[in-house]
PDB file of N, CA and C in Angstrom:
ATOM      1  N   MET A   1      48.035 -13.387  -7.302  1.00  0.00           N
ATOM      2  CA  MET A   1      46.689 -13.663  -7.790  1.00  0.00           C
ATOM      3  C   MET A   1      45.730 -12.647  -7.176  1.00  0.00           C
ATOM      4  N   PRO A   2      44.891 -12.039  -7.982  1.00  0.00           N
ATOM      5  CA  PRO A   2      43.962 -11.039  -7.445  1.00  0.00           C
ATOM      6  C   PRO A   2      42.911 -11.682  -6.548  1.00  0.00           C
ATOM      7  N   ASP A   3      42.405 -10.865  -5.602  1.00  0.00           N
ATOM      8  CA  ASP A   3      41.341 -11.338  -4.718  1.00  0.00           C
ATOM      9  C   ASP A   3      40.084 -11.625  -5.535  1.00  0.00           C
ATOM     10  N   LEU A   4      39.383 -12.670  -5.131  1.00  0.00           N
ATOM     11  CA  LEU A   4      38.118 -12.996  -5.787  1.00  0.00           C
ATOM     12  C   LEU A   4      37.048 -12.004  -5.366  1.00  0.00           C
ATOM     13  N   LYS A   5      36.112 -11.753  -6.268  1.00  0.00           N
ATOM     14  CA  LYS A   5      34.952 -10.929  -5.938  1.00  0.00           C
ATOM     15  C   LYS A   5      34.077 -11.701  -4.954  1.00  0.00           C
ATOM     16  N   LYS A   6      33.268 -10.970  -4.185  1.00  0.00           N
ATOM     17  CA  LYS A   6      32.373 -11.622  -3.232  1.00  0.00           C
ATOM     18  C   LYS A   6      31.432 -12.594  -3.940  1.00  0.00           C
ATOM     19  N   SER A   7      31.018 -12.261  -5.156  1.00  0.00           N
ATOM     20  CA  SER A   7      30.098 -13.135  -5.885  1.00  0.00           C
ATOM     21  C   SER A   7      30.739 -14.477  -6.216  1.00  0.00           C
ATOM     22  N   GLU A   8      32.052 -14.502  -6.368  1.00  0.00           N
ATOM     23  CA  GLU A   8      32.763 -15.751  -6.655  1.00  0.00           C
ATOM     24  C   GLU A   8      33.184 -16.451  -5.366  1.00  0.00           C
ATOM     25  N   LYS A   9      33.629 -15.683  -4.405  1.00  0.00           N
ATOM     26  CA  LYS A   9      34.167 -16.217  -3.157  1.00  0.00           C
ATOM     27  C   LYS A   9      33.080 -16.827  -2.272  1.00  0.00           C
ATOM     28  N   PHE A  10      31.915 -16.203  -2.248  1.00  0.00           N
ATOM     29  CA  PHE A  10      30.841 -16.624  -1.335  1.00  0.00           C
ATOM     30  C   PHE A  10      29.613 -17.110  -2.086  1.00  0.00           C
ATOM     31  N   GLN A  11      29.789 -17.810  -3.167  1.00  0.00           N
ATOM     32  CA  GLN A  11      28.658 -18.222  -3.996  1.00  0.00           C
ATOM     33  C   GLN A  11      27.641 -19.049  -3.199  1.00  0.00           C
ATOM     34  N   LYS A  12      28.091 -20.019  -2.439  1.00  0.00           N
ATOM     35  CA  LYS A  12      27.195 -20.879  -1.663  1.00  0.00           C
ATOM     36  C   LYS A  12      26.474 -20.069  -0.577  1.00  0.00           C
ATOM     37  N   GLU A  13      27.217 -19.224   0.143  1.00  0.00           N
ATOM     38  CA  GLU A  13      26.632 -18.426   1.213  1.00  0.00           C
ATOM     39  C   GLU A  13      25.601 -17.436   0.671  1.00  0.00           C
ATOM     40  N   ARG A  14      25.890 -16.866  -0.479  1.00  0.00           N
ATOM     41  CA  ARG A  14      24.947 -15.932  -1.103  1.00  0.00           C
ATOM     42  C   ARG A  14      23.646 -16.632  -1.469  1.00  0.00           C
ATOM     43  N   GLU A  15      23.759 -17.817  -2.060  1.00  0.00           N
ATOM     44  CA  GLU A  15      22.571 -18.587  -2.435  1.00  0.00           C
ATOM     45  C   GLU A  15      21.745 -18.933  -1.192  1.00  0.00           C
ATOM     46  N   GLU A  16      22.410 -19.340  -0.121  1.00  0.00           N
ATOM     47  CA  GLU A  16      21.704 -19.675   1.119  1.00  0.00           C
ATOM     48  C   GLU A  16      20.999 -18.455   1.701  1.00  0.00           C
ATOM     49  N   LEU A  17      21.647 -17.301   1.648  1.00  0.00           N
ATOM     50  CA  LEU A  17      21.053 -16.079   2.180  1.00  0.00           C
ATOM     51  C   LEU A  17      19.856 -15.629   1.336  1.00  0.00           C
ATOM     52  N   ILE A  18      19.964 -15.759   0.029  1.00  0.00           N
ATOM     53  CA  ILE A  18      18.835 -15.437  -0.852  1.00  0.00           C
ATOM     54  C   ILE A  18      17.646 -16.333  -0.518  1.00  0.00           C
ATOM     55  N   ASN A  19      17.913 -17.630  -0.360  1.00  0.00           N
ATOM     56  CA  ASN A  19      16.830 -18.572  -0.027  1.00  0.00           C
ATOM     57  C   ASN A  19      16.235 -18.282   1.349  1.00  0.00           C
ATOM     58  N   LYS A  20      17.080 -17.926   2.309  1.00  0.00           N
ATOM     59  CA  LYS A  20      16.594 -17.609   3.659  1.00  0.00           C
ATOM     60  C   LYS A  20      15.675 -16.390   3.621  1.00  0.00           C
ATOM     61  N   LEU A  21      16.084 -15.348   2.919  1.00  0.00           N
ATOM     62  CA  LEU A  21      15.255 -14.153   2.800  1.00  0.00           C
ATOM     63  C   LEU A  21      13.946 -14.466   2.086  1.00  0.00           C
ATOM     64  N   PHE A  22      14.021 -15.216   1.000  1.00  0.00           N
ATOM     65  CA  PHE A  22      12.828 -15.575   0.240  1.00  0.00           C
ATOM     66  C   PHE A  22      11.841 -16.350   1.114  1.00  0.00           C
ATOM     67  N   ASN A  23      12.361 -17.267   1.926  1.00  0.00           N
ATOM     68  CA  ASN A  23      11.498 -18.091   2.775  1.00  0.00           C
ATOM     69  C   ASN A  23      10.898 -17.326   3.949  1.00  0.00           C
ATOM     70  N   LEU A  24      11.456 -16.175   4.291  1.00  0.00           N
ATOM     71  CA  LEU A  24      10.877 -15.341   5.344  1.00  0.00           C
ATOM     72  C   LEU A  24       9.586 -14.651   4.887  1.00  0.00           C
ATOM     73  N   LEU A  25       9.472 -14.423   3.605  1.00  0.00           N
ATOM     74  CA  LEU A  25       8.366 -13.624   3.076  1.00  0.00           C
ATOM     75  C   LEU A  25       7.035 -14.374   3.138  1.00  0.00           C
ATOM     76  N   PRO A  26       5.945 -13.646   3.390  1.00  0.00           N
ATOM     77  CA  PRO A  26       4.612 -14.260   3.458  1.00  0.00           C
ATOM     78  C   PRO A  26       4.034 -14.469   2.058  1.00  0.00           C
ATOM     79  N   LEU A  27       4.583 -15.425   1.345  1.00  0.00           N
ATOM     80  CA  LEU A  27       4.210 -15.636  -0.055  1.00  0.00           C
ATOM     81  C   LEU A  27       2.951 -16.481  -0.180  1.00  0.00           C
ATOM     82  N   ASP A  28       2.175 -16.175  -1.212  1.00  0.00           N
ATOM     83  CA  ASP A  28       1.014 -16.993  -1.531  1.00  0.00           C
ATOM     84  C   ASP A  28       1.414 -18.039  -2.574  1.00  0.00           C
ATOM     85  N   GLU A  29       0.435 -18.725  -3.123  1.00  0.00           N
ATOM     86  CA  GLU A  29       0.726 -19.796  -4.090  1.00  0.00           C
ATOM     87  C   GLU A  29       1.318 -19.269  -5.397  1.00  0.00           C
ATOM     88  N   GLU A  30       1.186 -17.983  -5.659  1.00  0.00           N
ATOM     89  CA  GLU A  30       1.754 -17.367  -6.867  1.00  0.00           C
ATOM     90  C   GLU A  30       3.150 -16.802  -6.621  1.00  0.00           C
ATOM     91  N   HIS A  31       3.717 -17.084  -5.453  1.00  0.00           N
ATOM     92  CA  HIS A  31       4.997 -16.503  -5.029  1.00  0.00           C
ATOM     93  C   HIS A  31       4.906 -14.981  -4.989  1.00  0.00           C
ATOM     94  N   SER A  32       3.836 -14.488  -4.380  1.00  0.00           N
ATOM     95  CA  SER A  32       3.574 -13.058  -4.277  1.00  0.00           C
ATOM     96  C   SER A  32       3.327 -12.674  -2.823  1.00  0.00           C
ATOM     97  N   PHE A  33       3.573 -11.416  -2.526  1.00  0.00           N
ATOM     98  CA  PHE A  33       3.154 -10.870  -1.244  1.00  0.00           C
ATOM     99  C   PHE A  33       2.677  -9.442  -1.453  1.00  0.00           C
ATOM    100  N   ILE A  34       1.861  -8.984  -0.522  1.00  0.00           N
ATOM    101  CA  ILE A  34       1.338  -7.623  -0.582  1.00  0.00           C
ATOM    102  C   ILE A  34       2.156  -6.766   0.381  1.00  0.00           C
ATOM    103  N   LEU A  35       2.674  -5.681  -0.126  1.00  0.00           N
ATOM    104  CA  LEU A  35       3.561  -4.814   0.635  1.00  0.00           C
ATOM    105  C   LEU A  35       2.921  -4.331   1.939  1.00  0.00           C
ATOM    106  N   TYR A  36       1.643  -4.046   1.918  1.00  0.00           N
ATOM    107  CA  TYR A  36       0.940  -3.584   3.114  1.00  0.00           C
ATOM    108  C   TYR A  36       1.140  -4.550   4.278  1.00  0.00           C
ATOM    109  N   LYS A  37       1.104  -5.836   4.009  1.00  0.00           N
ATOM    110  CA  LYS A  37       1.239  -6.842   5.067  1.00  0.00           C
ATOM    111  C   LYS A  37       2.647  -6.856   5.642  1.00  0.00           C
ATOM    112  N   VAL A  38       3.645  -6.676   4.797  1.00  0.00           N
ATOM    113  CA  VAL A  38       5.031  -6.636   5.275  1.00  0.00           C
ATOM    114  C   VAL A  38       5.271  -5.346   6.065  1.00  0.00           C
ATOM    115  N   ASN A  39       4.716  -4.247   5.581  1.00  0.00           N
ATOM    116  CA  ASN A  39       4.886  -2.969   6.276  1.00  0.00           C
ATOM    117  C   ASN A  39       4.249  -2.956   7.665  1.00  0.00           C
ATOM    118  N   ASN A  40       3.292  -3.833   7.891  1.00  0.00           N
ATOM    119  CA  ASN A  40       2.617  -3.892   9.178  1.00  0.00           C
ATOM    120  C   ASN A  40       3.021  -5.095  10.019  1.00  0.00           C
ATOM    121  N   ASP A  41       4.073  -5.788   9.636  1.00  0.00           N
ATOM    122  CA  ASP A  41       4.571  -6.952  10.373  1.00  0.00           C
ATOM    123  C   ASP A  41       5.961  -6.627  10.927  1.00  0.00           C
ATOM    124  N   THR A  42       6.005  -6.067  12.132  1.00  0.00           N
ATOM    125  CA  THR A  42       7.282  -5.641  12.705  1.00  0.00           C
ATOM    126  C   THR A  42       8.222  -6.816  12.992  1.00  0.00           C
ATOM    127  N   ASP A  43       7.662  -7.989  13.293  1.00  0.00           N
ATOM    128  CA  ASP A  43       8.518  -9.161  13.516  1.00  0.00           C
ATOM    129  C   ASP A  43       9.260  -9.544  12.233  1.00  0.00           C
ATOM    130  N   LEU A  44       8.558  -9.532  11.123  1.00  0.00           N
ATOM    131  CA  LEU A  44       9.184  -9.851   9.837  1.00  0.00           C
ATOM    132  C   LEU A  44      10.234  -8.801   9.482  1.00  0.00           C
ATOM    133  N   GLN A  45       9.918  -7.536   9.687  1.00  0.00           N
ATOM    134  CA  GLN A  45      10.875  -6.468   9.402  1.00  0.00           C
ATOM    135  C   GLN A  45      12.155  -6.674  10.224  1.00  0.00           C
ATOM    136  N   LYS A  46      11.994  -7.027  11.482  1.00  0.00           N
ATOM    137  CA  LYS A  46      13.151  -7.265  12.364  1.00  0.00           C
ATOM    138  C   LYS A  46      13.987  -8.430  11.846  1.00  0.00           C
ATOM    139  N   LYS A  47      13.331  -9.509  11.430  1.00  0.00           N
ATOM    140  CA  LYS A  47      14.055 -10.678  10.903  1.00  0.00           C
ATOM    141  C   LYS A  47      14.841 -10.314   9.643  1.00  0.00           C
ATOM    142  N   ILE A  48      14.256  -9.497   8.796  1.00  0.00           N
ATOM    143  CA  ILE A  48      14.951  -9.070   7.576  1.00  0.00           C
ATOM    144  C   ILE A  48      16.154  -8.208   7.933  1.00  0.00           C
ATOM    145  N   LEU A  49      15.974  -7.277   8.857  1.00  0.00           N
ATOM    146  CA  LEU A  49      17.073  -6.386   9.247  1.00  0.00           C
ATOM    147  C   LEU A  49      18.180  -7.135   9.988  1.00  0.00           C
ATOM    148  N   GLU A  50      17.841  -8.250  10.622  1.00  0.00           N
ATOM    149  CA  GLU A  50      18.859  -9.078  11.282  1.00  0.00           C
ATOM    150  C   GLU A  50      19.799  -9.744  10.273  1.00  0.00           C
ATOM    151  N   LEU A  51      19.395  -9.793   9.016  1.00  0.00           N
ATOM    152  CA  LEU A  51      20.244 -10.374   7.965  1.00  0.00           C
ATOM    153  C   LEU A  51      21.313  -9.398   7.462  1.00  0.00           C
ATOM    154  N   VAL A  52      21.236  -8.132   7.859  1.00  0.00           N
ATOM    155  CA  VAL A  52      22.143  -7.110   7.341  1.00  0.00           C
ATOM    156  C   VAL A  52      23.620  -7.455   7.546  1.00  0.00           C
ATOM    157  N   PRO A  53      24.067  -7.928   8.721  1.00  0.00           N
ATOM    158  CA  PRO A  53      25.489  -8.266   8.847  1.00  0.00           C
ATOM    159  C   PRO A  53      25.946  -9.328   7.843  1.00  0.00           C
ATOM    160  N   ASP A  54      25.127 -10.343   7.611  1.00  0.00           N
ATOM    161  CA  ASP A  54      25.471 -11.372   6.627  1.00  0.00           C
ATOM    162  C   ASP A  54      25.431 -10.810   5.208  1.00  0.00           C
ATOM    163  N   ILE A  55      24.479  -9.936   4.935  1.00  0.00           N
ATOM    164  CA  ILE A  55      24.406  -9.315   3.610  1.00  0.00           C
ATOM    165  C   ILE A  55      25.675  -8.512   3.353  1.00  0.00           C
ATOM    166  N   LYS A  56      26.116  -7.748   4.352  1.00  0.00           N
ATOM    167  CA  LYS A  56      27.348  -6.964   4.200  1.00  0.00           C
ATOM    168  C   LYS A  56      28.562  -7.863   3.989  1.00  0.00           C
ATOM    169  N   LYS A  57      28.550  -9.029   4.604  1.00  0.00           N
ATOM    170  CA  LYS A  57      29.680  -9.949   4.489  1.00  0.00           C
ATOM    171  C   LYS A  57      29.739 -10.623   3.119  1.00  0.00           C
ATOM    172  N   TYR A  58      28.581 -11.004   2.576  1.00  0.00           N
ATOM    173  CA  TYR A  58      28.546 -11.833   1.371  1.00  0.00           C
ATOM    174  C   TYR A  58      28.197 -11.094   0.091  1.00  0.00           C
ATOM    175  N   PHE A  59      27.710  -9.864   0.196  1.00  0.00           N
ATOM    176  CA  PHE A  59      27.300  -9.103  -0.980  1.00  0.00           C
ATOM    177  C   PHE A  59      27.993  -7.748  -0.984  1.00  0.00           C
ATOM    178  N   GLY A  60      28.225  -7.229  -2.157  1.00  0.00           N
ATOM    179  CA  GLY A  60      28.619  -5.835  -2.263  1.00  0.00           C
ATOM    180  C   GLY A  60      27.386  -5.003  -1.985  1.00  0.00           C
ATOM    181  N   THR A  61      27.480  -4.073  -1.057  1.00  0.00           N
ATOM    182  CA  THR A  61      26.289  -3.348  -0.619  1.00  0.00           C
ATOM    183  C   THR A  61      26.251  -1.899  -1.083  1.00  0.00           C
ATOM    184  N   TYR A  62      27.117  -1.536  -1.987  1.00  0.00           N
ATOM    185  CA  TYR A  62      27.187  -0.137  -2.416  1.00  0.00           C
ATOM    186  C   TYR A  62      25.832   0.374  -2.922  1.00  0.00           C
ATOM    187  N   GLY A  63      25.128  -0.398  -3.703  1.00  0.00           N
ATOM    188  CA  GLY A  63      23.877   0.054  -4.311  1.00  0.00           C
ATOM    189  C   GLY A  63      22.623  -0.283  -3.530  1.00  0.00           C
ATOM    190  N   ILE A  64      22.765  -0.838  -2.339  1.00  0.00           N
ATOM    191  CA  ILE A  64      21.596  -1.227  -1.556  1.00  0.00           C
ATOM    192  C   ILE A  64      21.255  -0.084  -0.609  1.00  0.00           C
ATOM    193  N   TYR A  65      20.281   0.714  -1.012  1.00  0.00           N
ATOM    194  CA  TYR A  65      19.918   1.942  -0.312  1.00  0.00           C
ATOM    195  C   TYR A  65      19.485   1.678   1.131  1.00  0.00           C
ATOM    196  N   GLY A  66      18.809   0.599   1.395  1.00  0.00           N
ATOM    197  CA  GLY A  66      18.320   0.296   2.735  1.00  0.00           C
ATOM    198  C   GLY A  66      19.402  -0.064   3.721  1.00  0.00           C
ATOM    199  N   ILE A  67      20.583  -0.419   3.230  1.00  0.00           N
ATOM    200  CA  ILE A  67      21.688  -0.782   4.108  1.00  0.00           C
ATOM    201  C   ILE A  67      22.643   0.389   4.305  1.00  0.00           C
ATOM    202  N   ASN A  68      22.916   1.113   3.257  1.00  0.00           N
ATOM    203  CA  ASN A  68      23.942   2.148   3.291  1.00  0.00           C
ATOM    204  C   ASN A  68      23.434   3.531   3.628  1.00  0.00           C
ATOM    205  N   SER A  69      22.172   3.683   3.856  1.00  0.00           N
ATOM    206  CA  SER A  69      21.625   5.010   4.131  1.00  0.00           C
ATOM    207  C   SER A  69      20.618   4.926   5.263  1.00  0.00           C
ATOM    208  N   ASN A  70      20.704   5.852   6.167  1.00  0.00           N
ATOM    209  CA  ASN A  70      19.726   5.919   7.251  1.00  0.00           C
ATOM    210  C   ASN A  70      18.487   6.692   6.844  1.00  0.00           C
ATOM    211  N   LYS A  71      18.461   7.168   5.606  1.00  0.00           N
ATOM    212  CA  LYS A  71      17.341   7.967   5.121  1.00  0.00           C
ATOM    213  C   LYS A  71      16.150   7.121   4.686  1.00  0.00           C
ATOM    214  N   SER A  72      16.354   5.835   4.481  1.00  0.00           N
ATOM    215  CA  SER A  72      15.284   4.973   3.992  1.00  0.00           C
ATOM    216  C   SER A  72      14.243   4.740   5.088  1.00  0.00           C
ATOM    217  N   LYS A  73      12.979   5.018   4.759  1.00  0.00           N
ATOM    218  CA  LYS A  73      11.896   4.807   5.715  1.00  0.00           C
ATOM    219  C   LYS A  73      11.553   3.325   5.851  1.00  0.00           C
ATOM    220  N   LYS A  74      11.755   2.576   4.770  1.00  0.00           N
ATOM    221  CA  LYS A  74      11.421   1.153   4.756  1.00  0.00           C
ATOM    222  C   LYS A  74      12.615   0.367   4.202  1.00  0.00           C
ATOM    223  N   PRO A  75      13.668   0.221   4.991  1.00  0.00           N
ATOM    224  CA  PRO A  75      14.861  -0.453   4.481  1.00  0.00           C
ATOM    225  C   PRO A  75      14.619  -1.915   4.120  1.00  0.00           C
ATOM    226  N   TRP A  76      13.645  -2.554   4.758  1.00  0.00           N
ATOM    227  CA  TRP A  76      13.389  -3.962   4.487  1.00  0.00           C
ATOM    228  C   TRP A  76      12.968  -4.192   3.041  1.00  0.00           C
ATOM    229  N   ILE A  77      12.202  -3.298   2.454  1.00  0.00           N
ATOM    230  CA  ILE A  77      11.779  -3.504   1.065  1.00  0.00           C
ATOM    231  C   ILE A  77      12.955  -3.279   0.119  1.00  0.00           C
ATOM    232  N   CYS A  78      13.839  -2.346   0.457  1.00  0.00           N
ATOM    233  CA  CYS A  78      15.050  -2.142  -0.350  1.00  0.00           C
ATOM    234  C   CYS A  78      15.920  -3.394  -0.313  1.00  0.00           C
ATOM    235  N   ILE A  79      16.025  -4.001   0.861  1.00  0.00           N
ATOM    236  CA  ILE A  79      16.817  -5.224   1.011  1.00  0.00           C
ATOM    237  C   ILE A  79      16.185  -6.358   0.212  1.00  0.00           C
ATOM    238  N   ILE A  80      14.880  -6.524   0.326  1.00  0.00           N
ATOM    239  CA  ILE A  80      14.186  -7.587  -0.408  1.00  0.00           C
ATOM    240  C   ILE A  80      14.449  -7.449  -1.902  1.00  0.00           C
ATOM    241  N   ARG A  81      14.225  -6.262  -2.442  1.00  0.00           N
ATOM    242  CA  ARG A  81      14.396  -6.056  -3.888  1.00  0.00           C
ATOM    243  C   ARG A  81      15.848  -6.255  -4.310  1.00  0.00           C
ATOM    244  N   SER A  82      16.774  -5.672  -3.564  1.00  0.00           N
ATOM    245  CA  SER A  82      18.182  -5.700  -3.969  1.00  0.00           C
ATOM    246  C   SER A  82      18.784  -7.096  -3.910  1.00  0.00           C
ATOM    247  N   ILE A  83      18.430  -7.862  -2.913  1.00  0.00           N
ATOM    248  CA  ILE A  83      19.016  -9.195  -2.761  1.00  0.00           C
ATOM    249  C   ILE A  83      18.310 -10.216  -3.653  1.00  0.00           C
ATOM    250  N   LEU A  84      16.990 -10.187  -3.675  1.00  0.00           N
ATOM    251  CA  LEU A  84      16.259 -11.212  -4.423  1.00  0.00           C
ATOM    252  C   LEU A  84      16.317 -11.015  -5.932  1.00  0.00           C
ATOM    253  N   LYS A  85      16.642  -9.814  -6.404  1.00  0.00           N
ATOM    254  CA  LYS A  85      16.714  -9.605  -7.848  1.00  0.00           C
ATOM    255  C   LYS A  85      17.849 -10.397  -8.486  1.00  0.00           C
ATOM    256  N   ARG A  86      18.757 -10.899  -7.680  1.00  0.00           N
ATOM    257  CA  ARG A  86      19.873 -11.688  -8.199  1.00  0.00           C
ATOM    258  C   ARG A  86      19.417 -13.063  -8.680  1.00  0.00           C
ATOM    259  N   LYS A  87      18.320 -13.561  -8.115  1.00  0.00           N
ATOM    260  CA  LYS A  87      17.817 -14.889  -8.484  1.00  0.00           C
ATOM    261  C   LYS A  87      16.433 -14.829  -9.128  1.00  0.00           C
ATOM    262  N   TYR A  88      15.668 -13.773  -8.835  1.00  0.00           N
ATOM    263  CA  TYR A  88      14.277 -13.699  -9.276  1.00  0.00           C
ATOM    264  C   TYR A  88      14.021 -12.444 -10.104  1.00  0.00           C
ATOM    265  N   ASP A  89      13.117 -12.586 -11.074  1.00  0.00           N
ATOM    266  CA  ASP A  89      12.531 -11.420 -11.716  1.00  0.00           C
ATOM    267  C   ASP A  89      11.405 -10.981 -10.787  1.00  0.00           C
ATOM    268  N   ILE A  90      11.329  -9.684 -10.517  1.00  0.00           N
ATOM    269  CA  ILE A  90      10.341  -9.164  -9.583  1.00  0.00           C
ATOM    270  C   ILE A  90       9.355  -8.289 -10.354  1.00  0.00           C
ATOM    271  N   PHE A  91       8.095  -8.635 -10.243  1.00  0.00           N
ATOM    272  CA  PHE A  91       7.031  -7.888 -10.907  1.00  0.00           C
ATOM    273  C   PHE A  91       6.211  -7.183  -9.835  1.00  0.00           C
ATOM    274  N   ILE A  92       6.039  -5.888  -9.989  1.00  0.00           N
ATOM    275  CA  ILE A  92       5.310  -5.087  -9.009  1.00  0.00           C
ATOM    276  C   ILE A  92       4.047  -4.547  -9.667  1.00  0.00           C
ATOM    277  N   THR A  93       2.906  -4.826  -9.056  1.00  0.00           N
ATOM    278  CA  THR A  93       1.629  -4.342  -9.575  1.00  0.00           C
ATOM    279  C   THR A  93       0.851  -3.671  -8.446  1.00  0.00           C
ATOM    280  N   GLU A  94      -0.007  -2.751  -8.838  1.00  0.00           N
ATOM    281  CA  GLU A  94      -0.888  -2.098  -7.871  1.00  0.00           C
ATOM    282  C   GLU A  94      -2.033  -3.063  -7.551  1.00  0.00           C
ATOM    283  N   CYS A  95      -2.473  -3.053  -6.309  1.00  0.00           N
ATOM    284  CA  CYS A  95      -3.598  -3.910  -5.937  1.00  0.00           C
ATOM    285  C   CYS A  95      -4.410  -3.220  -4.849  1.00  0.00           C
ATOM    286  N   SER A  96      -5.593  -3.726  -4.615  1.00  0.00           N
ATOM    287  CA  SER A  96      -6.421  -3.238  -3.514  1.00  0.00           C
ATOM    288  C   SER A  96      -7.152  -4.435  -2.918  1.00  0.00           C
ATOM    289  N   PHE A  97      -7.455  -4.324  -1.627  1.00  0.00           N
ATOM    290  CA  PHE A  97      -8.170  -5.389  -0.941  1.00  0.00           C
ATOM    291  C   PHE A  97      -8.932  -4.775   0.235  1.00  0.00           C
ATOM    292  N   LYS A  98      -9.882  -5.530   0.739  1.00  0.00           N
ATOM    293  CA  LYS A  98     -10.699  -5.074   1.864  1.00  0.00           C
ATOM    294  C   LYS A  98     -10.051  -5.521   3.168  1.00  0.00           C
ATOM    295  N   ASN A  99     -10.024  -4.589   4.126  1.00  0.00           N
ATOM    296  CA  ASN A  99      -9.512  -4.893   5.456  1.00  0.00           C
ATOM    297  C   ASN A  99     -10.370  -4.120   6.450  1.00  0.00           C
ATOM    298  N   ASP A 100     -11.149  -4.831   7.247  1.00  0.00           N
ATOM    299  CA  ASP A 100     -12.059  -4.196   8.204  1.00  0.00           C
ATOM    300  C   ASP A 100     -12.971  -3.179   7.532  1.00  0.00           C
ATOM    301  N   ASN A 101     -13.579  -3.590   6.438  1.00  0.00           N
ATOM    302  CA  ASN A 101     -14.506  -2.756   5.658  1.00  0.00           C
ATOM    303  C   ASN A 101     -13.863  -1.504   5.077  1.00  0.00           C
ATOM    304  N   LYS A 102     -12.553  -1.479   5.011  1.00  0.00           N
ATOM    305  CA  LYS A 102     -11.837  -0.379   4.375  1.00  0.00           C
ATOM    306  C   LYS A 102     -11.095  -0.945   3.170  1.00  0.00           C
ATOM    307  N   THR A 103     -11.074  -0.182   2.109  1.00  0.00           N
ATOM    308  CA  THR A 103     -10.317  -0.591   0.942  1.00  0.00           C
ATOM    309  C   THR A 103      -8.885  -0.093   1.105  1.00  0.00           C
ATOM    310  N   ILE A 104      -7.962  -1.016   1.033  1.00  0.00           N
ATOM    311  CA  ILE A 104      -6.538  -0.709   1.181  1.00  0.00           C
ATOM    312  C   ILE A 104      -5.876  -0.836  -0.182  1.00  0.00           C
ATOM    313  N   ARG A 105      -5.147   0.196  -0.575  1.00  0.00           N
ATOM    314  CA  ARG A 105      -4.376   0.146  -1.820  1.00  0.00           C
ATOM    315  C   ARG A 105      -2.927  -0.116  -1.453  1.00  0.00           C
ATOM    316  N   SER A 106      -2.311  -1.012  -2.190  1.00  0.00           N
ATOM    317  CA  SER A 106      -0.929  -1.371  -1.910  1.00  0.00           C
ATOM    318  C   SER A 106      -0.281  -1.866  -3.198  1.00  0.00           C
ATOM    319  N   ARG A 107       0.876  -2.448  -3.044  1.00  0.00           N
ATOM    320  CA  ARG A 107       1.574  -3.054  -4.176  1.00  0.00           C
ATOM    321  C   ARG A 107       1.755  -4.533  -3.919  1.00  0.00           C
ATOM    322  N   LYS A 108       1.692  -5.283  -4.996  1.00  0.00           N
ATOM    323  CA  LYS A 108       1.878  -6.728  -4.918  1.00  0.00           C
ATOM    324  C   LYS A 108       3.193  -7.060  -5.612  1.00  0.00           C
ATOM    325  N   TYR A 109       4.054  -7.762  -4.911  1.00  0.00           N
ATOM    326  CA  TYR A 109       5.344  -8.196  -5.449  1.00  0.00           C
ATOM    327  C   TYR A 109       5.247  -9.669  -5.805  1.00  0.00           C
ATOM    328  N   THR A 110       5.553  -9.994  -7.052  1.00  0.00           N
ATOM    329  CA  THR A 110       5.516 -11.371  -7.529  1.00  0.00           C
ATOM    330  C   THR A 110       6.918 -11.757  -7.987  1.00  0.00           C
ATOM    331  N   PHE A 111       7.350 -12.950  -7.591  1.00  0.00           N
ATOM    332  CA  PHE A 111       8.698 -13.418  -7.890  1.00  0.00           C
ATOM    333  C   PHE A 111       8.653 -14.608  -8.847  1.00  0.00           C
ATOM    334  N   LYS A 112       9.465 -14.541  -9.871  1.00  0.00           N
ATOM    335  CA  LYS A 112       9.632 -15.642 -10.823  1.00  0.00           C
ATOM    336  C   LYS A 112      11.128 -15.914 -10.931  1.00  0.00           C
ATOM    337  N   ILE A 113      11.514 -17.182 -10.839  1.00  0.00           N
ATOM    338  CA  ILE A 113      12.936 -17.522 -10.960  1.00  0.00           C
ATOM    339  C   ILE A 113      13.411 -17.096 -12.348  1.00  0.00           C
ATOM    340  N   LYS A 114      14.581 -16.453 -12.370  1.00  0.00           N
ATOM    341  CA  LYS A 114      15.124 -15.974 -13.638  1.00  0.00           C
ATOM    342  C   LYS A 114      15.454 -17.145 -14.540  1.00  0.00           C
ATOM    343  N   ASN A 115      15.231 -16.932 -15.821  1.00  0.00           N
ATOM    344  CA  ASN A 115      15.578 -17.919 -16.826  1.00  0.00           C
ATOM    345  C   ASN A 115      17.094 -17.834 -17.022  1.00  0.00           C
ATOM    346  N   THR A 116      17.803 -18.905 -16.712  1.00  0.00           N
ATOM    347  CA  THR A 116      19.264 -18.863 -16.743  1.00  0.00           C
ATOM    348  C   THR A 116      19.854 -19.549 -17.957  1.00  0.00           C
ATOM    349  N   LYS A 117      19.166 -19.494 -19.085  1.00  0.00           N
ATOM    350  CA  LYS A 117      19.721 -20.067 -20.305  1.00  0.00           C
ATOM    351  C   LYS A 117      20.888 -19.212 -20.769  1.00  0.00           C
ATOM    352  N   SER A 118      21.942 -19.885 -21.157  1.00  0.00           N
ATOM    353  CA  SER A 118      23.124 -19.151 -21.637  1.00  0.00           C
ATOM    354  C   SER A 118      23.406 -19.455 -23.083  1.00  0.00           C
TER     355      SER A 118
END
């Protein structure tokens, strides 16, 4: 009998890891976060990067640039997009906001659970 794919073998663990990553994010009531805030939160970045061993165990990581390459300046955002896209549609929009009387331009990531009608 052939070996099962990681997606079949670790279905429960993958779902738990997706939920854990999603719950780490500083989401608002629209299930959105602003990239600027994540880029400036080193504790959150560390927590996301601490998930890498489990991600390697439960997911195929070939296409996840933040895990397989040391060239990524912001591996945490690559991990967020690559892992959460399995359960959520991710919408990225440009946004700006005031911070200490300075206008900051960033991106807003919004997550919607994928429609799983078959």
